[in-house]
Every structure is written in structure tokens, then in C-alpha cells.
Amino acid sequence: MIAWLQFILGALLITAGVVVLALSLFGVYRFNYVLNRMHAAAMGDTLGILLVLGGLIVFSGFSALSLKLLLTIVMLWLTSPVSSHLIGRLEVHINEKIDKHLKEVNH
């Protein structure tokens, strides 16, 4: 009985993670401006990875593999926002048309 609950919870987490990643992919193709695309990718990436790896942790049970997966989640949660922030700052500094985009957004 416990094995079935573990399987169902793991499958639900992985399925939810794949759905979040698919919606993130849709957002990347839907938005026109690069910072909007990057935001959709970064947010979906963070939540999607948590759900998929969380489902794999549930499947593996309490083991060394689950600890490695947990450390992978922590590492990705620490590095993904920092890299997204740095890429966003670079875009703001080198984009010559950003004033035009900001005027369109504010009106």
C-alpha cells in the first residue's frame, strides 16, 4: 500500500513539473521582449526542476540518491536566479532600444 502511495505521489510531482516546464516553454515563445522571455524561463525552470526532482526523490525513497537530488535542487535554486539576474542586467546595459520598450510599457 505504501509503495502505491509513493508511486502516485512521485508520478504526480513529475507530471506537475513537466506541465510547469511546458508552460514555461510556451511563455518563452509567446513573449516578444527578451527580459519577459527570460523571466518566464527562469520561473518555470525553478519550479519545474523542484517538482521533477522532488518526484524522483519520492521514487528513490530515503537513500544517498535522494540526498544527491536534494543537493542538486539546492544548487540549482541558488545558481539559476543569480545567473538570470546577471543576464538581465547585461541586457539592460547593452540594449539600445530599452528606452523605447519602457515607454511602451508605461503608456
PDB file of N, CA and C in Angstrom:
ATOM      1  N   MET A   1       0.824  -1.201   0.000  1.00  0.00           N
ATOM      2  CA  MET A   1       0.000   0.000   0.000  1.00  0.00           C
ATOM      3  C   MET A   1       0.865   1.262   0.000  1.00  0.00           C
ATOM      4  N   ILE A   2       1.925   1.254   0.807  1.00  0.00           N
ATOM      5  CA  ILE A   2       2.819   2.407   0.875  1.00  0.00           C
ATOM      6  C   ILE A   2       3.524   2.611  -0.457  1.00  0.00           C
ATOM      7  N   ALA A   3       3.875   1.502  -1.127  1.00  0.00           N
ATOM      8  CA  ALA A   3       4.558   1.604  -2.424  1.00  0.00           C
ATOM      9  C   ALA A   3       3.661   2.281  -3.453  1.00  0.00           C
ATOM     10  N   TRP A   4       2.367   1.996  -3.413  1.00  0.00           N
ATOM     11  CA  TRP A   4       1.436   2.629  -4.347  1.00  0.00           C
ATOM     12  C   TRP A   4       1.313   4.118  -4.064  1.00  0.00           C
ATOM     13  N   LEU A   5       1.240   4.488  -2.806  1.00  0.00           N
ATOM     14  CA  LEU A   5       1.164   5.913  -2.469  1.00  0.00           C
ATOM     15  C   LEU A   5       2.442   6.649  -2.882  1.00  0.00           C
ATOM     16  N   GLN A   6       3.577   5.989  -2.674  1.00  0.00           N
ATOM     17  CA  GLN A   6       4.849   6.568  -3.087  1.00  0.00           C
ATOM     18  C   GLN A   6       4.875   6.740  -4.607  1.00  0.00           C
ATOM     19  N   PHE A   7       4.403   5.746  -5.343  1.00  0.00           N
ATOM     20  CA  PHE A   7       4.363   5.830  -6.797  1.00  0.00           C
ATOM     21  C   PHE A   7       3.434   6.940  -7.265  1.00  0.00           C
ATOM     22  N   ILE A   8       2.246   7.033  -6.675  1.00  0.00           N
ATOM     23  CA  ILE A   8       1.267   8.044  -7.094  1.00  0.00           C
ATOM     24  C   ILE A   8       1.784   9.451  -6.800  1.00  0.00           C
ATOM     25  N   LEU A   9       2.344   9.657  -5.607  1.00  0.00           N
ATOM     26  CA  LEU A   9       2.879  10.978  -5.263  1.00  0.00           C
ATOM     27  C   LEU A   9       4.047  11.354  -6.162  1.00  0.00           C
ATOM     28  N   GLY A  10       4.945  10.419  -6.417  1.00  0.00           N
ATOM     29  CA  GLY A  10       6.076  10.687  -7.306  1.00  0.00           C
ATOM     30  C   GLY A  10       5.620  11.002  -8.717  1.00  0.00           C
ATOM     31  N   ALA A  11       4.652  10.230  -9.211  1.00  0.00           N
ATOM     32  CA  ALA A  11       4.141  10.458 -10.564  1.00  0.00           C
ATOM     33  C   ALA A  11       3.435  11.807 -10.667  1.00  0.00           C
ATOM     34  N   LEU A  12       2.687  12.185  -9.642  1.00  0.00           N
ATOM     35  CA  LEU A  12       2.009  13.484  -9.663  1.00  0.00           C
ATOM     36  C   LEU A  12       3.008  14.637  -9.645  1.00  0.00           C
ATOM     37  N   LEU A  13       4.050  14.514  -8.834  1.00  0.00           N
ATOM     38  CA  LEU A  13       5.065  15.569  -8.788  1.00  0.00           C
ATOM     39  C   LEU A  13       5.791  15.704 -10.118  1.00  0.00           C
ATOM     40  N   ILE A  14       6.164  14.595 -10.714  1.00  0.00           N
ATOM     41  CA  ILE A  14       6.864  14.644 -12.002  1.00  0.00           C
ATOM     42  C   ILE A  14       5.947  15.197 -13.091  1.00  0.00           C
ATOM     43  N   THR A  15       4.688  14.774 -13.090  1.00  0.00           N
ATOM     44  CA  THR A  15       3.739  15.290 -14.081  1.00  0.00           C
ATOM     45  C   THR A  15       3.530  16.790 -13.912  1.00  0.00           C
ATOM     46  N   ALA A  16       3.383  17.250 -12.683  1.00  0.00           N
ATOM     47  CA  ALA A  16       3.222  18.688 -12.444  1.00  0.00           C
ATOM     48  C   ALA A  16       4.472  19.448 -12.887  1.00  0.00           C
ATOM     49  N   GLY A  17       5.647  18.890 -12.657  1.00  0.00           N
ATOM     50  CA  GLY A  17       6.884  19.533 -13.087  1.00  0.00           C
ATOM     51  C   GLY A  17       6.977  19.636 -14.596  1.00  0.00           C
ATOM     52  N   VAL A  18       6.580  18.588 -15.294  1.00  0.00           N
ATOM     53  CA  VAL A  18       6.605  18.619 -16.759  1.00  0.00           C
ATOM     54  C   VAL A  18       5.604  19.644 -17.285  1.00  0.00           C
ATOM     55  N   VAL A  19       4.437  19.754 -16.653  1.00  0.00           N
ATOM     56  CA  VAL A  19       3.447  20.754 -17.067  1.00  0.00           C
ATOM     57  C   VAL A  19       3.997  22.165 -16.859  1.00  0.00           C
ATOM     58  N   VAL A  20       4.630  22.416 -15.719  1.00  0.00           N
ATOM     59  CA  VAL A  20       5.210  23.738 -15.453  1.00  0.00           C
ATOM     60  C   VAL A  20       6.297  24.060 -16.468  1.00  0.00           C
ATOM     61  N   LEU A  21       7.151  23.099 -16.783  1.00  0.00           N
ATOM     62  CA  LEU A  21       8.206  23.323 -17.767  1.00  0.00           C
ATOM     63  C   LEU A  21       7.622  23.562 -19.157  1.00  0.00           C
ATOM     64  N   ALA A  22       6.532  22.871 -19.500  1.00  0.00           N
ATOM     65  CA  ALA A  22       5.884  23.093 -20.794  1.00  0.00           C
ATOM     66  C   ALA A  22       5.260  24.488 -20.866  1.00  0.00           C
ATOM     67  N   LEU A  23       4.630  24.930 -19.783  1.00  0.00           N
ATOM     68  CA  LEU A  23       4.071  26.284 -19.762  1.00  0.00           C
ATOM     69  C   LEU A  23       5.170  27.339 -19.838  1.00  0.00           C
ATOM     70  N   SER A  24       6.293  27.052 -19.225  1.00  0.00           N
ATOM     71  CA  SER A  24       7.431  27.954 -19.308  1.00  0.00           C
ATOM     72  C   SER A  24       7.931  28.048 -20.750  1.00  0.00           C
ATOM     73  N   LEU A  25       7.978  26.932 -21.429  1.00  0.00           N
ATOM     74  CA  LEU A  25       8.385  26.924 -22.827  1.00  0.00           C
ATOM     75  C   LEU A  25       7.410  27.735 -23.677  1.00  0.00           C
ATOM     76  N   PHE A  26       6.130  27.599 -23.393  1.00  0.00           N
ATOM     77  CA  PHE A  26       5.123  28.398 -24.102  1.00  0.00           C
ATOM     78  C   PHE A  26       5.346  29.888 -23.854  1.00  0.00           C
ATOM     79  N   GLY A  27       5.670  30.269 -22.627  1.00  0.00           N
ATOM     80  CA  GLY A  27       5.937  31.663 -22.306  1.00  0.00           C
ATOM     81  C   GLY A  27       7.160  32.196 -23.012  1.00  0.00           C
ATOM     82  N   VAL A  28       8.169  31.352 -23.183  1.00  0.00           N
ATOM     83  CA  VAL A  28       9.374  31.783 -23.893  1.00  0.00           C
ATOM     84  C   VAL A  28       9.049  32.115 -25.342  1.00  0.00           C
ATOM     85  N   TYR A  29       8.207  31.325 -25.970  1.00  0.00           N
ATOM     86  CA  TYR A  29       7.845  31.587 -27.358  1.00  0.00           C
ATOM     87  C   TYR A  29       6.761  32.643 -27.500  1.00  0.00           C
ATOM     88  N   ARG A  30       5.988  32.882 -26.480  1.00  0.00           N
ATOM     89  CA  ARG A  30       4.865  33.821 -26.555  1.00  0.00           C
ATOM     90  C   ARG A  30       5.302  35.272 -26.395  1.00  0.00           C
ATOM     91  N   PHE A  31       6.220  35.543 -25.459  1.00  0.00           N
ATOM     92  CA  PHE A  31       6.616  36.919 -25.187  1.00  0.00           C
ATOM     93  C   PHE A  31       7.570  37.426 -26.258  1.00  0.00           C
ATOM     94  N   ASN A  32       7.519  38.742 -26.484  1.00  0.00           N
ATOM     95  CA  ASN A  32       8.343  39.349 -27.520  1.00  0.00           C
ATOM     96  C   ASN A  32       9.655  39.893 -26.975  1.00  0.00           C
ATOM     97  N   TYR A  33       9.626  40.451 -25.795  1.00  0.00           N
ATOM     98  CA  TYR A  33      10.802  41.119 -25.246  1.00  0.00           C
ATOM     99  C   TYR A  33      11.678  40.119 -24.503  1.00  0.00           C
ATOM    100  N   VAL A  34      12.978  40.279 -24.641  1.00  0.00           N
ATOM    101  CA  VAL A  34      13.917  39.286 -24.128  1.00  0.00           C
ATOM    102  C   VAL A  34      13.846  39.136 -22.600  1.00  0.00           C
ATOM    103  N   LEU A  35      13.620  40.214 -21.867  1.00  0.00           N
ATOM    104  CA  LEU A  35      13.541  40.102 -20.410  1.00  0.00           C
ATOM    105  C   LEU A  35      12.279  39.370 -19.972  1.00  0.00           C
ATOM    106  N   ASN A  36      11.193  39.550 -20.704  1.00  0.00           N
ATOM    107  CA  ASN A  36       9.975  38.802 -20.401  1.00  0.00           C
ATOM    108  C   ASN A  36      10.178  37.309 -20.666  1.00  0.00           C
ATOM    109  N   ARG A  37      10.850  37.006 -21.766  1.00  0.00           N
ATOM    110  CA  ARG A  37      11.147  35.613 -22.076  1.00  0.00           C
ATOM    111  C   ARG A  37      12.029  34.985 -21.005  1.00  0.00           C
ATOM    112  N   MET A  38      13.030  35.745 -20.591  1.00  0.00           N
ATOM    113  CA  MET A  38      13.948  35.234 -19.595  1.00  0.00           C
ATOM    114  C   MET A  38      13.227  34.996 -18.266  1.00  0.00           C
ATOM    115  N   HIS A  39      12.307  35.868 -17.908  1.00  0.00           N
ATOM    116  CA  HIS A  39      11.556  35.706 -16.669  1.00  0.00           C
ATOM    117  C   HIS A  39      10.701  34.439 -16.722  1.00  0.00           C
ATOM    118  N   ALA A  40      10.026  34.231 -17.849  1.00  0.00           N
ATOM    119  CA  ALA A  40       9.202  33.021 -17.985  1.00  0.00           C
ATOM    120  C   ALA A  40      10.064  31.767 -17.884  1.00  0.00           C
ATOM    121  N   ALA A  41      11.221  31.791 -18.512  1.00  0.00           N
ATOM    122  CA  ALA A  41      12.109  30.624 -18.471  1.00  0.00           C
ATOM    123  C   ALA A  41      12.650  30.391 -17.059  1.00  0.00           C
ATOM    124  N   ALA A  42      13.049  31.454 -16.387  1.00  0.00           N
ATOM    125  CA  ALA A  42      13.654  31.303 -15.061  1.00  0.00           C
ATOM    126  C   ALA A  42      12.637  30.838 -14.027  1.00  0.00           C
ATOM    127  N   MET A  43      11.435  31.370 -14.074  1.00  0.00           N
ATOM    128  CA  MET A  43      10.427  30.973 -13.090  1.00  0.00           C
ATOM    129  C   MET A  43       9.976  29.528 -13.321  1.00  0.00           C
ATOM    130  N   GLY A  44       9.752  29.175 -14.577  1.00  0.00           N
ATOM    131  CA  GLY A  44       9.363  27.800 -14.871  1.00  0.00           C
ATOM    132  C   GLY A  44      10.471  26.819 -14.579  1.00  0.00           C
ATOM    133  N   ASP A  45      11.677  27.242 -14.848  1.00  0.00           N
ATOM    134  CA  ASP A  45      12.846  26.408 -14.585  1.00  0.00           C
ATOM    135  C   ASP A  45      12.954  26.096 -13.094  1.00  0.00           C
ATOM    136  N   THR A  46      12.807  27.090 -12.275  1.00  0.00           N
ATOM    137  CA  THR A  46      12.963  26.908 -10.833  1.00  0.00           C
ATOM    138  C   THR A  46      11.883  25.988 -10.264  1.00  0.00           C
ATOM    139  N   LEU A  47      10.633  26.257 -10.566  1.00  0.00           N
ATOM    140  CA  LEU A  47       9.547  25.432 -10.030  1.00  0.00           C
ATOM    141  C   LEU A  47       9.505  24.057 -10.687  1.00  0.00           C
ATOM    142  N   GLY A  48       9.724  24.005 -11.997  1.00  0.00           N
ATOM    143  CA  GLY A  48       9.682  22.731 -12.704  1.00  0.00           C
ATOM    144  C   GLY A  48      10.743  21.763 -12.218  1.00  0.00           C
ATOM    145  N   ILE A  49      11.952  22.277 -12.010  1.00  0.00           N
ATOM    146  CA  ILE A  49      13.035  21.420 -11.522  1.00  0.00           C
ATOM    147  C   ILE A  49      12.727  20.928 -10.110  1.00  0.00           C
ATOM    148  N   LEU A  50      12.182  21.801  -9.278  1.00  0.00           N
ATOM    149  CA  LEU A  50      11.822  21.383  -7.917  1.00  0.00           C
ATOM    150  C   LEU A  50      10.823  20.227  -7.957  1.00  0.00           C
ATOM    151  N   LEU A  51       9.796  20.352  -8.782  1.00  0.00           N
ATOM    152  CA  LEU A  51       8.758  19.319  -8.827  1.00  0.00           C
ATOM    153  C   LEU A  51       9.271  18.014  -9.413  1.00  0.00           C
ATOM    154  N   VAL A  52      10.015  18.087 -10.511  1.00  0.00           N
ATOM    155  CA  VAL A  52      10.513  16.853 -11.142  1.00  0.00           C
ATOM    156  C   VAL A  52      11.508  16.142 -10.228  1.00  0.00           C
ATOM    157  N   LEU A  53      12.475  16.879  -9.707  1.00  0.00           N
ATOM    158  CA  LEU A  53      13.450  16.241  -8.823  1.00  0.00           C
ATOM    159  C   LEU A  53      12.813  15.813  -7.505  1.00  0.00           C
ATOM    160  N   GLY A  54      11.800  16.549  -7.046  1.00  0.00           N
ATOM    161  CA  GLY A  54      11.061  16.123  -5.858  1.00  0.00           C
ATOM    162  C   GLY A  54      10.345  14.803  -6.089  1.00  0.00           C
ATOM    163  N   GLY A  55       9.777  14.635  -7.279  1.00  0.00           N
ATOM    164  CA  GLY A  55       9.161  13.348  -7.620  1.00  0.00           C
ATOM    165  C   GLY A  55      10.171  12.222  -7.668  1.00  0.00           C
ATOM    166  N   LEU A  56      11.365  12.512  -8.185  1.00  0.00           N
ATOM    167  CA  LEU A  56      12.410  11.485  -8.204  1.00  0.00           C
ATOM    168  C   LEU A  56      12.885  11.144  -6.796  1.00  0.00           C
ATOM    169  N   ILE A  57      12.888  12.143  -5.911  1.00  0.00           N
ATOM    170  CA  ILE A  57      13.244  11.876  -4.513  1.00  0.00           C
ATOM    171  C   ILE A  57      12.209  10.953  -3.881  1.00  0.00           C
ATOM    172  N   VAL A  58      10.940  11.188  -4.158  1.00  0.00           N
ATOM    173  CA  VAL A  58       9.881  10.329  -3.614  1.00  0.00           C
ATOM    174  C   VAL A  58      10.036   8.904  -4.152  1.00  0.00           C
ATOM    175  N   PHE A  59      10.361   8.779  -5.447  1.00  0.00           N
ATOM    176  CA  PHE A  59      10.562   7.447  -6.025  1.00  0.00           C
ATOM    177  C   PHE A  59      11.738   6.719  -5.390  1.00  0.00           C
ATOM    178  N   SER A  60      12.824   7.435  -5.148  1.00  0.00           N
ATOM    179  CA  SER A  60      14.034   6.769  -4.648  1.00  0.00           C
ATOM    180  C   SER A  60      13.958   6.443  -3.161  1.00  0.00           C
ATOM    181  N   GLY A  61      13.078   7.095  -2.435  1.00  0.00           N
ATOM    182  CA  GLY A  61      12.990   6.853  -1.004  1.00  0.00           C
ATOM    183  C   GLY A  61      14.127   7.530  -0.269  1.00  0.00           C
ATOM    184  N   PHE A  62      14.366   7.105   0.960  1.00  0.00           N
ATOM    185  CA  PHE A  62      15.438   7.695   1.758  1.00  0.00           C
ATOM    186  C   PHE A  62      16.733   6.956   1.455  1.00  0.00           C
ATOM    187  N   SER A  63      17.587   7.592   0.643  1.00  0.00           N
ATOM    188  CA  SER A  63      18.846   6.954   0.253  1.00  0.00           C
ATOM    189  C   SER A  63      19.874   8.033  -0.076  1.00  0.00           C
ATOM    190  N   ALA A  64      21.046   7.584  -0.468  1.00  0.00           N
ATOM    191  CA  ALA A  64      22.091   8.534  -0.876  1.00  0.00           C
ATOM    192  C   ALA A  64      21.678   9.257  -2.149  1.00  0.00           C
ATOM    193  N   LEU A  65      20.941   8.586  -3.025  1.00  0.00           N
ATOM    194  CA  LEU A  65      20.470   9.220  -4.256  1.00  0.00           C
ATOM    195  C   LEU A  65      19.535  10.383  -3.947  1.00  0.00           C
ATOM    196  N   SER A  66      18.651  10.209  -2.971  1.00  0.00           N
ATOM    197  CA  SER A  66      17.735  11.304  -2.626  1.00  0.00           C
ATOM    198  C   SER A  66      18.496  12.496  -2.053  1.00  0.00           C
ATOM    199  N   LEU A  67      19.569  12.238  -1.317  1.00  0.00           N
ATOM    200  CA  LEU A  67      20.390  13.337  -0.816  1.00  0.00           C
ATOM    201  C   LEU A  67      21.071  14.071  -1.958  1.00  0.00           C
ATOM    202  N   LYS A  68      21.568  13.335  -2.934  1.00  0.00           N
ATOM    203  CA  LYS A  68      22.189  13.957  -4.104  1.00  0.00           C
ATOM    204  C   LYS A  68      21.177  14.798  -4.885  1.00  0.00           C
ATOM    205  N   LEU A  69      19.970  14.275  -5.042  1.00  0.00           N
ATOM    206  CA  LEU A  69      18.927  15.031  -5.745  1.00  0.00           C
ATOM    207  C   LEU A  69      18.550  16.294  -4.976  1.00  0.00           C
ATOM    208  N   LEU A  70      18.487  16.180  -3.657  1.00  0.00           N
ATOM    209  CA  LEU A  70      18.191  17.350  -2.836  1.00  0.00           C
ATOM    210  C   LEU A  70      19.290  18.404  -2.966  1.00  0.00           C
ATOM    211  N   LEU A  71      20.533  17.980  -2.968  1.00  0.00           N
ATOM    212  CA  LEU A  71      21.647  18.916  -3.158  1.00  0.00           C
ATOM    213  C   LEU A  71      21.629  19.535  -4.557  1.00  0.00           C
ATOM    214  N   THR A  72      21.187  18.773  -5.537  1.00  0.00           N
ATOM    215  CA  THR A  72      21.036  19.316  -6.892  1.00  0.00           C
ATOM    216  C   THR A  72      19.973  20.408  -6.908  1.00  0.00           C
ATOM    217  N   ILE A  73      18.852  20.181  -6.228  1.00  0.00           N
ATOM    218  CA  ILE A  73      17.802  21.201  -6.140  1.00  0.00           C
ATOM    219  C   ILE A  73      18.346  22.462  -5.491  1.00  0.00           C
ATOM    220  N   VAL A  74      19.048  22.311  -4.377  1.00  0.00           N
ATOM    221  CA  VAL A  74      19.608  23.474  -3.674  1.00  0.00           C
ATOM    222  C   VAL A  74      20.574  24.224  -4.576  1.00  0.00           C
ATOM    223  N   MET A  75      21.450  23.499  -5.261  1.00  0.00           N
ATOM    224  CA  MET A  75      22.423  24.147  -6.135  1.00  0.00           C
ATOM    225  C   MET A  75      21.743  24.896  -7.275  1.00  0.00           C
ATOM    226  N   LEU A  76      20.754  24.281  -7.887  1.00  0.00           N
ATOM    227  CA  LEU A  76      20.051  24.950  -8.987  1.00  0.00           C
ATOM    228  C   LEU A  76      19.235  26.138  -8.487  1.00  0.00           C
ATOM    229  N   TRP A  77      18.658  26.030  -7.299  1.00  0.00           N
ATOM    230  CA  TRP A  77      17.888  27.145  -6.750  1.00  0.00           C
ATOM    231  C   TRP A  77      18.792  28.308  -6.373  1.00  0.00           C
ATOM    232  N   LEU A  78      20.044  28.037  -6.069  1.00  0.00           N
ATOM    233  CA  LEU A  78      20.969  29.129  -5.756  1.00  0.00           C
ATOM    234  C   LEU A  78      21.569  29.755  -7.007  1.00  0.00           C
ATOM    235  N   THR A  79      21.848  28.957  -8.019  1.00  0.00           N
ATOM    236  CA  THR A  79      22.548  29.478  -9.188  1.00  0.00           C
ATOM    237  C   THR A  79      21.626  30.031 -10.265  1.00  0.00           C
ATOM    238  N   SER A  80      20.450  29.484 -10.436  1.00  0.00           N
ATOM    239  CA  SER A  80      19.562  29.928 -11.514  1.00  0.00           C
ATOM    240  C   SER A  80      19.111  31.382 -11.354  1.00  0.00           C
ATOM    241  N   PRO A  81      18.647  31.817 -10.190  1.00  0.00           N
ATOM    242  CA  PRO A  81      18.258  33.228 -10.068  1.00  0.00           C
ATOM    243  C   PRO A  81      19.438  34.188 -10.231  1.00  0.00           C
ATOM    244  N   VAL A  82      20.597  33.793  -9.753  1.00  0.00           N
ATOM    245  CA  VAL A  82      21.764  34.668  -9.873  1.00  0.00           C
ATOM    246  C   VAL A  82      22.159  34.824 -11.339  1.00  0.00           C
ATOM    247  N   SER A  83      22.197  33.722 -12.074  1.00  0.00           N
ATOM    248  CA  SER A  83      22.561  33.818 -13.487  1.00  0.00           C
ATOM    249  C   SER A  83      21.504  34.574 -14.274  1.00  0.00           C
ATOM    250  N   SER A  84      20.225  34.381 -13.961  1.00  0.00           N
ATOM    251  CA  SER A  84      19.166  35.140 -14.644  1.00  0.00           C
ATOM    252  C   SER A  84      19.296  36.631 -14.367  1.00  0.00           C
ATOM    253  N   HIS A  85      19.618  36.966 -13.133  1.00  0.00           N
ATOM    254  CA  HIS A  85      19.791  38.375 -12.787  1.00  0.00           C
ATOM    255  C   HIS A  85      20.965  38.989 -13.552  1.00  0.00           C
ATOM    256  N   LEU A  86      22.058  38.269 -13.643  1.00  0.00           N
ATOM    257  CA  LEU A  86      23.220  38.792 -14.361  1.00  0.00           C
ATOM    258  C   LEU A  86      22.941  38.948 -15.851  1.00  0.00           C
ATOM    259  N   ILE A  87      22.242  37.991 -16.443  1.00  0.00           N
ATOM    260  CA  ILE A  87      21.886  38.097 -17.851  1.00  0.00           C
ATOM    261  C   ILE A  87      20.927  39.263 -18.072  1.00  0.00           C
ATOM    262  N   GLY A  88      19.978  39.458 -17.152  1.00  0.00           N
ATOM    263  CA  GLY A  88      19.052  40.589 -17.264  1.00  0.00           C
ATOM    264  C   GLY A  88      19.762  41.927 -17.162  1.00  0.00           C
ATOM    265  N   ARG A  89      20.703  42.037 -16.252  1.00  0.00           N
ATOM    266  CA  ARG A  89      21.481  43.288 -16.131  1.00  0.00           C
ATOM    267  C   ARG A  89      22.298  43.549 -17.384  1.00  0.00           C
ATOM    268  N   LEU A  90      22.867  42.501 -17.956  1.00  0.00           N
ATOM    269  CA  LEU A  90      23.623  42.658 -19.187  1.00  0.00           C
ATOM    270  C   LEU A  90      22.722  43.153 -20.306  1.00  0.00           C
ATOM    271  N   GLU A  91      21.527  42.607 -20.404  1.00  0.00           N
ATOM    272  CA  GLU A  91      20.579  43.032 -21.438  1.00  0.00           C
ATOM    273  C   GLU A  91      20.204  44.495 -21.266  1.00  0.00           C
ATOM    274  N   VAL A  92      19.969  44.912 -20.046  1.00  0.00           N
ATOM    275  CA  VAL A  92      19.599  46.306 -19.789  1.00  0.00           C
ATOM    276  C   VAL A  92      20.748  47.242 -20.164  1.00  0.00           C
ATOM    277  N   HIS A  93      21.975  46.834 -19.893  1.00  0.00           N
ATOM    278  CA  HIS A  93      23.123  47.698 -20.169  1.00  0.00           C
ATOM    279  C   HIS A  93      23.484  47.773 -21.648  1.00  0.00           C
ATOM    280  N   ILE A  94      23.287  46.698 -22.410  1.00  0.00           N
ATOM    281  CA  ILE A  94      23.725  46.726 -23.796  1.00  0.00           C
ATOM    282  C   ILE A  94      22.593  46.956 -24.792  1.00  0.00           C
ATOM    283  N   ASN A  95      21.350  46.905 -24.360  1.00  0.00           N
ATOM    284  CA  ASN A  95      20.229  47.095 -25.276  1.00  0.00           C
ATOM    285  C   ASN A  95      20.015  48.576 -25.524  1.00  0.00           C
ATOM    286  N   GLU A  96      20.142  48.963 -26.774  1.00  0.00           N
ATOM    287  CA  GLU A  96      19.984  50.376 -27.133  1.00  0.00           C
ATOM    288  C   GLU A  96      18.515  50.775 -27.264  1.00  0.00           C
ATOM    289  N   LYS A  97      17.634  49.827 -27.426  1.00  0.00           N
ATOM    290  CA  LYS A  97      16.215  50.116 -27.631  1.00  0.00           C
ATOM    291  C   LYS A  97      15.389  49.958 -26.361  1.00  0.00           C
ATOM    292  N   ILE A  98      16.016  49.854 -25.208  1.00  0.00           N
ATOM    293  CA  ILE A  98      15.276  49.615 -23.970  1.00  0.00           C
ATOM    294  C   ILE A  98      14.408  50.810 -23.586  1.00  0.00           C
ATOM    295  N   ASP A  99      14.867  52.025 -23.883  1.00  0.00           N
ATOM    296  CA  ASP A  99      14.046  53.200 -23.569  1.00  0.00           C
ATOM    297  C   ASP A  99      12.737  53.157 -24.339  1.00  0.00           C
ATOM    298  N   LYS A 100      12.784  52.733 -25.589  1.00  0.00           N
ATOM    299  CA  LYS A 100      11.566  52.614 -26.393  1.00  0.00           C
ATOM    300  C   LYS A 100      10.625  51.576 -25.784  1.00  0.00           C
ATOM    301  N   HIS A 101      11.175  50.450 -25.360  1.00  0.00           N
ATOM    302  CA  HIS A 101      10.343  49.406 -24.764  1.00  0.00           C
ATOM    303  C   HIS A 101       9.730  49.882 -23.447  1.00  0.00           C
ATOM    304  N   LEU A 102      10.496  50.556 -22.617  1.00  0.00           N
ATOM    305  CA  LEU A 102       9.971  51.034 -21.336  1.00  0.00           C
ATOM    306  C   LEU A 102       8.903  52.090 -21.519  1.00  0.00           C
ATOM    307  N   LYS A 103       9.025  52.918 -22.553  1.00  0.00           N
ATOM    308  CA  LYS A 103       7.981  53.917 -22.835  1.00  0.00           C
ATOM    309  C   LYS A 103       6.692  53.227 -23.265  1.00  0.00           C
ATOM    310  N   GLU A 104       6.800  52.139 -24.050  1.00  0.00           N
ATOM    311  CA  GLU A 104       5.617  51.397 -24.471  1.00  0.00           C
ATOM    312  C   GLU A 104       4.937  50.731 -23.292  1.00  0.00           C
ATOM    313  N   VAL A 105       5.703  50.234 -22.374  1.00  0.00           N
ATOM    314  CA  VAL A 105       5.147  49.544 -21.209  1.00  0.00           C
ATOM    315  C   VAL A 105       4.455  50.527 -20.275  1.00  0.00           C
ATOM    316  N   ASN A 106       5.025  51.709 -20.105  1.00  0.00           N
ATOM    317  CA  ASN A 106       4.487  52.695 -19.149  1.00  0.00           C
ATOM    318  C   ASN A 106       3.259  53.421 -19.687  1.00  0.00           C
ATOM    319  N   HIS A 107       2.993  53.350 -20.990  1.00  0.00           N
ATOM    320  CA  HIS A 107       1.808  54.044 -21.528  1.00  0.00           C
ATOM    321  C   HIS A 107       0.626  53.162 -21.588  1.00  0.00           C
TER     322      HIS A 107
END
